[in-house]
N, C-alpha and C. Protein backbone atom coordinates (compact mmCIF):
# COMPACT_ATOMS: atom_id res chain seq x y z
N MET A 1 109.56 -159.77 70.03
CA MET A 1 109.50 -158.60 69.20
C MET A 1 110.75 -158.59 68.31
N ASP A 2 110.54 -158.47 67.01
CA ASP A 2 111.67 -158.36 66.08
C ASP A 2 112.10 -156.91 66.00
N SER A 3 113.41 -156.71 65.88
CA SER A 3 113.91 -155.35 65.71
C SER A 3 115.07 -155.37 64.71
N THR A 4 115.30 -154.22 64.08
CA THR A 4 116.33 -154.10 63.06
C THR A 4 117.03 -152.76 63.22
N SER A 5 118.33 -152.76 63.08
CA SER A 5 119.09 -151.51 63.07
C SER A 5 119.12 -150.99 61.64
N LEU A 6 118.33 -149.95 61.37
CA LEU A 6 118.31 -149.38 60.02
C LEU A 6 119.69 -148.84 59.64
N ARG A 7 120.42 -148.34 60.60
CA ARG A 7 121.77 -147.83 60.34
C ARG A 7 122.67 -148.95 59.83
N SER A 8 122.63 -150.11 60.47
CA SER A 8 123.46 -151.25 60.05
C SER A 8 123.03 -151.77 58.68
N VAL A 9 121.73 -151.90 58.48
CA VAL A 9 121.23 -152.39 57.19
C VAL A 9 121.60 -151.41 56.09
N ALA A 10 121.48 -150.11 56.36
CA ALA A 10 121.84 -149.09 55.37
C ALA A 10 123.32 -149.20 55.01
N ASP A 11 124.19 -149.37 56.01
CA ASP A 11 125.62 -149.54 55.75
C ASP A 11 125.88 -150.75 54.86
N GLU A 12 125.26 -151.87 55.19
CA GLU A 12 125.48 -153.11 54.44
C GLU A 12 124.96 -153.01 53.01
N GLU A 13 123.77 -152.44 52.85
CA GLU A 13 123.19 -152.35 51.50
C GLU A 13 123.94 -151.35 50.63
N LEU A 14 124.41 -150.26 51.21
CA LEU A 14 125.18 -149.29 50.43
C LEU A 14 126.51 -149.90 49.99
N ALA A 15 127.16 -150.66 50.86
CA ALA A 15 128.39 -151.36 50.48
C ALA A 15 128.11 -152.35 49.36
N ALA A 16 126.99 -153.07 49.46
CA ALA A 16 126.63 -154.04 48.41
C ALA A 16 126.33 -153.34 47.09
N ALA A 17 125.66 -152.19 47.15
CA ALA A 17 125.35 -151.43 45.92
C ALA A 17 126.62 -150.94 45.25
N ARG A 18 127.57 -150.47 46.06
CA ARG A 18 128.84 -149.98 45.50
C ARG A 18 129.62 -151.10 44.82
N ALA A 19 129.43 -152.33 45.28
CA ALA A 19 130.15 -153.48 44.71
C ALA A 19 129.39 -154.14 43.56
N ALA A 20 128.11 -153.84 43.41
CA ALA A 20 127.26 -154.50 42.41
C ALA A 20 127.39 -153.83 41.04
N SER A 21 127.32 -154.64 39.99
CA SER A 21 127.38 -154.09 38.64
C SER A 21 126.16 -153.22 38.33
N SER A 22 125.05 -153.46 39.01
CA SER A 22 123.83 -152.67 38.81
C SER A 22 123.86 -151.36 39.60
N SER A 23 124.82 -151.23 40.51
CA SER A 23 124.95 -150.06 41.39
C SER A 23 123.75 -149.88 42.31
N ARG A 24 123.09 -150.99 42.65
CA ARG A 24 121.98 -150.94 43.60
C ARG A 24 121.90 -152.23 44.38
N SER A 25 121.22 -152.17 45.50
CA SER A 25 121.03 -153.34 46.35
C SER A 25 119.77 -153.12 47.16
N ALA A 26 119.13 -154.21 47.56
CA ALA A 26 117.89 -154.09 48.34
C ALA A 26 117.75 -155.29 49.27
N ARG A 27 117.11 -155.04 50.41
CA ARG A 27 116.82 -156.10 51.36
C ARG A 27 115.46 -155.84 52.00
N THR A 28 114.59 -156.82 51.93
CA THR A 28 113.30 -156.72 52.60
C THR A 28 113.54 -157.01 54.07
N ILE A 29 113.13 -156.06 54.92
CA ILE A 29 113.36 -156.25 56.36
C ILE A 29 112.09 -156.69 57.09
N HIS A 30 110.96 -156.58 56.40
CA HIS A 30 109.69 -157.06 56.98
C HIS A 30 108.74 -157.42 55.86
N GLY A 31 108.01 -158.51 56.05
CA GLY A 31 106.99 -158.90 55.09
C GLY A 31 107.58 -159.62 53.90
N GLY A 32 106.83 -159.60 52.83
CA GLY A 32 107.21 -160.30 51.61
C GLY A 32 106.03 -160.32 50.67
N HIS A 33 106.16 -161.10 49.61
CA HIS A 33 105.10 -161.14 48.60
C HIS A 33 103.80 -161.74 49.12
N ASP A 34 103.86 -162.50 50.20
CA ASP A 34 102.66 -163.13 50.75
C ASP A 34 102.06 -162.33 51.91
N ARG A 35 102.57 -161.14 52.17
CA ARG A 35 102.09 -160.30 53.27
C ARG A 35 101.55 -158.98 52.72
N SER A 36 100.66 -158.34 53.46
CA SER A 36 100.12 -157.07 52.98
C SER A 36 101.08 -155.91 53.24
N LEU A 37 101.92 -155.99 54.27
CA LEU A 37 102.88 -154.94 54.57
C LEU A 37 104.28 -155.44 54.23
N ARG A 38 105.01 -154.61 53.46
CA ARG A 38 106.40 -154.97 53.13
C ARG A 38 107.27 -153.73 53.28
N GLU A 39 108.40 -153.90 53.97
CA GLU A 39 109.37 -152.83 54.13
C GLU A 39 110.69 -153.28 53.54
N THR A 40 111.24 -152.44 52.65
CA THR A 40 112.46 -152.79 51.94
C THR A 40 113.44 -151.64 52.00
N VAL A 41 114.68 -151.94 52.37
CA VAL A 41 115.76 -150.95 52.34
C VAL A 41 116.42 -151.07 50.97
N ILE A 42 116.50 -149.95 50.27
CA ILE A 42 117.07 -149.90 48.91
C ILE A 42 118.24 -148.93 48.91
N ALA A 43 119.37 -149.38 48.38
CA ALA A 43 120.55 -148.52 48.25
C ALA A 43 120.84 -148.31 46.78
N LEU A 44 121.14 -147.07 46.42
CA LEU A 44 121.50 -146.69 45.05
C LEU A 44 122.76 -145.83 45.07
N VAL A 45 123.69 -146.14 44.17
CA VAL A 45 124.88 -145.33 44.03
C VAL A 45 124.52 -144.07 43.25
N ALA A 46 125.16 -142.94 43.58
CA ALA A 46 124.90 -141.66 42.91
C ALA A 46 124.90 -141.82 41.40
N GLY A 47 123.91 -141.19 40.75
CA GLY A 47 123.81 -141.22 39.29
C GLY A 47 123.04 -142.41 38.74
N HIS A 48 122.58 -143.30 39.60
CA HIS A 48 121.81 -144.47 39.16
C HIS A 48 120.36 -144.33 39.60
N GLU A 49 119.49 -145.15 39.01
CA GLU A 49 118.07 -145.00 39.31
C GLU A 49 117.33 -146.32 39.22
N LEU A 50 116.13 -146.30 39.78
CA LEU A 50 115.13 -147.34 39.53
C LEU A 50 114.25 -146.74 38.45
N ALA A 51 114.30 -147.32 37.26
CA ALA A 51 113.56 -146.77 36.12
C ALA A 51 112.06 -146.74 36.42
N GLU A 52 111.35 -145.98 35.62
CA GLU A 52 109.91 -145.81 35.80
C GLU A 52 109.22 -147.17 35.93
N HIS A 53 108.35 -147.27 36.94
CA HIS A 53 107.63 -148.52 37.21
C HIS A 53 106.30 -148.22 37.87
N GLU A 54 105.43 -149.22 37.91
CA GLU A 54 104.12 -149.08 38.54
C GLU A 54 104.25 -149.19 40.05
N SER A 55 103.33 -148.59 40.75
CA SER A 55 103.26 -148.72 42.20
C SER A 55 102.46 -149.98 42.53
N PRO A 56 103.00 -150.86 43.38
CA PRO A 56 102.30 -152.11 43.69
C PRO A 56 101.19 -151.96 44.72
N GLY A 57 101.01 -150.78 45.27
CA GLY A 57 100.00 -150.53 46.29
C GLY A 57 100.33 -149.22 46.98
N GLU A 58 99.63 -148.94 48.08
CA GLU A 58 99.95 -147.72 48.83
C GLU A 58 101.39 -147.82 49.29
N ALA A 59 102.15 -146.71 49.15
CA ALA A 59 103.56 -146.78 49.49
C ALA A 59 104.08 -145.43 49.98
N THR A 60 105.10 -145.51 50.84
CA THR A 60 105.82 -144.33 51.29
C THR A 60 107.31 -144.59 51.10
N LEU A 61 108.05 -143.48 51.04
CA LEU A 61 109.50 -143.55 50.88
C LEU A 61 110.12 -142.63 51.92
N GLN A 62 111.03 -143.18 52.71
CA GLN A 62 111.76 -142.40 53.70
C GLN A 62 113.23 -142.44 53.33
N VAL A 63 113.86 -141.28 53.22
CA VAL A 63 115.28 -141.21 52.88
C VAL A 63 116.10 -141.38 54.16
N LEU A 64 116.91 -142.43 54.18
CA LEU A 64 117.76 -142.70 55.34
C LEU A 64 119.14 -142.06 55.20
N ARG A 65 119.64 -142.03 53.95
CA ARG A 65 120.96 -141.46 53.65
C ARG A 65 120.93 -140.82 52.28
N GLY A 66 121.73 -139.80 52.08
CA GLY A 66 121.91 -139.22 50.76
C GLY A 66 120.80 -138.29 50.33
N ARG A 67 120.62 -138.21 49.02
CA ARG A 67 119.61 -137.33 48.42
C ARG A 67 119.07 -138.02 47.17
N VAL A 68 117.74 -138.02 47.03
CA VAL A 68 117.09 -138.71 45.91
C VAL A 68 116.08 -137.81 45.22
N ARG A 69 115.73 -138.19 44.00
CA ARG A 69 114.67 -137.51 43.24
C ARG A 69 113.63 -138.55 42.86
N LEU A 70 112.38 -138.28 43.23
CA LEU A 70 111.25 -139.13 42.86
C LEU A 70 110.46 -138.38 41.80
N THR A 71 110.24 -139.01 40.65
CA THR A 71 109.51 -138.40 39.55
C THR A 71 108.27 -139.22 39.26
N ALA A 72 107.11 -138.55 39.18
CA ALA A 72 105.85 -139.19 38.83
C ALA A 72 105.12 -138.25 37.89
N GLY A 73 105.07 -138.60 36.61
CA GLY A 73 104.46 -137.71 35.63
C GLY A 73 105.23 -136.40 35.57
N ASP A 74 104.54 -135.28 35.75
CA ASP A 74 105.18 -133.97 35.75
C ASP A 74 105.66 -133.54 37.14
N ASP A 75 105.35 -134.34 38.15
CA ASP A 75 105.73 -133.99 39.52
C ASP A 75 107.12 -134.53 39.86
N VAL A 76 107.91 -133.70 40.53
CA VAL A 76 109.27 -134.08 40.93
C VAL A 76 109.47 -133.66 42.38
N TRP A 77 109.97 -134.60 43.19
CA TRP A 77 110.31 -134.31 44.58
C TRP A 77 111.77 -134.64 44.78
N GLU A 78 112.50 -133.77 45.46
CA GLU A 78 113.87 -134.05 45.85
C GLU A 78 113.93 -134.03 47.37
N TRP A 79 114.51 -135.08 47.94
CA TRP A 79 114.58 -135.21 49.39
C TRP A 79 115.97 -135.63 49.80
N GLU A 80 116.34 -135.21 51.01
CA GLU A 80 117.59 -135.66 51.60
C GLU A 80 117.26 -136.48 52.84
N ALA A 81 118.28 -136.98 53.52
CA ALA A 81 118.08 -137.81 54.71
C ALA A 81 117.09 -137.14 55.66
N GLY A 82 116.12 -137.92 56.11
CA GLY A 82 115.08 -137.42 57.00
C GLY A 82 113.79 -137.10 56.27
N GLY A 83 113.83 -137.02 54.93
CA GLY A 83 112.63 -136.73 54.15
C GLY A 83 111.72 -137.95 54.05
N HIS A 84 110.44 -137.67 53.92
CA HIS A 84 109.42 -138.73 53.81
C HIS A 84 108.39 -138.27 52.81
N VAL A 85 107.98 -139.14 51.89
CA VAL A 85 107.00 -138.77 50.88
C VAL A 85 106.05 -139.95 50.64
N ILE A 86 104.80 -139.64 50.39
CA ILE A 86 103.83 -140.65 49.98
C ILE A 86 103.98 -140.80 48.47
N ILE A 87 104.22 -142.02 48.02
CA ILE A 87 104.43 -142.27 46.59
C ILE A 87 103.08 -142.27 45.89
N PRO A 88 102.94 -141.47 44.83
CA PRO A 88 101.67 -141.44 44.11
C PRO A 88 101.37 -142.80 43.47
N GLY A 89 100.09 -143.08 43.31
CA GLY A 89 99.67 -144.36 42.74
C GLY A 89 99.76 -144.38 41.22
N GLU A 90 100.81 -143.83 40.67
CA GLU A 90 101.02 -143.82 39.21
C GLU A 90 102.47 -144.22 38.94
N ARG A 91 102.80 -144.39 37.67
CA ARG A 91 104.17 -144.75 37.31
C ARG A 91 105.12 -143.69 37.86
N HIS A 92 106.26 -144.17 38.36
CA HIS A 92 107.23 -143.26 38.96
C HIS A 92 108.63 -143.84 38.84
N ALA A 93 109.64 -142.99 39.05
CA ALA A 93 111.04 -143.41 39.01
C ALA A 93 111.76 -142.78 40.18
N LEU A 94 112.86 -143.42 40.61
CA LEU A 94 113.65 -142.91 41.72
C LEU A 94 115.11 -142.83 41.28
N ALA A 95 115.72 -141.66 41.44
CA ALA A 95 117.12 -141.45 41.06
C ALA A 95 117.92 -141.03 42.29
N ALA A 96 119.15 -141.54 42.39
CA ALA A 96 120.06 -141.16 43.48
C ALA A 96 120.90 -139.98 43.03
N LEU A 97 120.76 -138.85 43.70
CA LEU A 97 121.57 -137.67 43.40
C LEU A 97 122.91 -137.75 44.12
N GLU A 98 122.95 -138.52 45.20
CA GLU A 98 124.15 -138.87 45.96
C GLU A 98 124.02 -140.36 46.29
N ASP A 99 125.09 -141.00 46.75
CA ASP A 99 124.93 -142.36 47.25
C ASP A 99 123.82 -142.30 48.29
N SER A 100 122.79 -143.14 48.12
CA SER A 100 121.58 -142.99 48.93
C SER A 100 121.02 -144.32 49.39
N VAL A 101 120.31 -144.26 50.51
CA VAL A 101 119.58 -145.41 51.04
C VAL A 101 118.19 -144.92 51.43
N VAL A 102 117.17 -145.66 51.02
CA VAL A 102 115.79 -145.32 51.34
C VAL A 102 115.08 -146.52 51.95
N LEU A 103 114.03 -146.24 52.69
CA LEU A 103 113.15 -147.27 53.22
C LEU A 103 111.83 -147.16 52.49
N LEU A 104 111.50 -148.18 51.72
CA LEU A 104 110.24 -148.24 50.98
C LEU A 104 109.27 -149.09 51.78
N THR A 105 108.11 -148.51 52.08
CA THR A 105 107.05 -149.24 52.79
C THR A 105 105.85 -149.33 51.86
N VAL A 106 105.39 -150.56 51.63
CA VAL A 106 104.28 -150.81 50.72
C VAL A 106 103.20 -151.62 51.43
N VAL A 107 101.95 -151.21 51.26
CA VAL A 107 100.80 -151.98 51.74
C VAL A 107 99.99 -152.35 50.51
N LYS A 108 99.74 -153.64 50.36
CA LYS A 108 98.96 -154.09 49.21
C LYS A 108 98.02 -155.21 49.67
N PRO A 109 96.96 -155.42 48.91
CA PRO A 109 96.06 -156.52 49.27
C PRO A 109 96.77 -157.87 49.16
N VAL A 110 96.47 -158.76 50.08
CA VAL A 110 97.03 -160.12 50.02
C VAL A 110 96.18 -160.92 49.05
N PRO A 111 96.80 -161.63 48.10
CA PRO A 111 96.01 -162.42 47.13
C PRO A 111 95.21 -163.52 47.79
């Protein structure tokens, strides 16, 4: 059985985001492009965002640290650590209101 400490991964990715010129960092902890289930820990420094993009499949977002804003069309959700949201199947963006770490879970058809 594989296991991962989300706390440790969150610490590492947030440190990497703070050091990166893009102010973000990500690590896939399960799955990949050849799997139907993919889980990715994403860290964003406060004031930075993942610009509007398409959803690659059914997805959820769990806030592990900080506070984030998810925008999809006219809908806006703000969540802090412990929050969980189903990402709508439309273009959306994610902004860090504080230094933040999220767990993105995506299920998509395997080609």
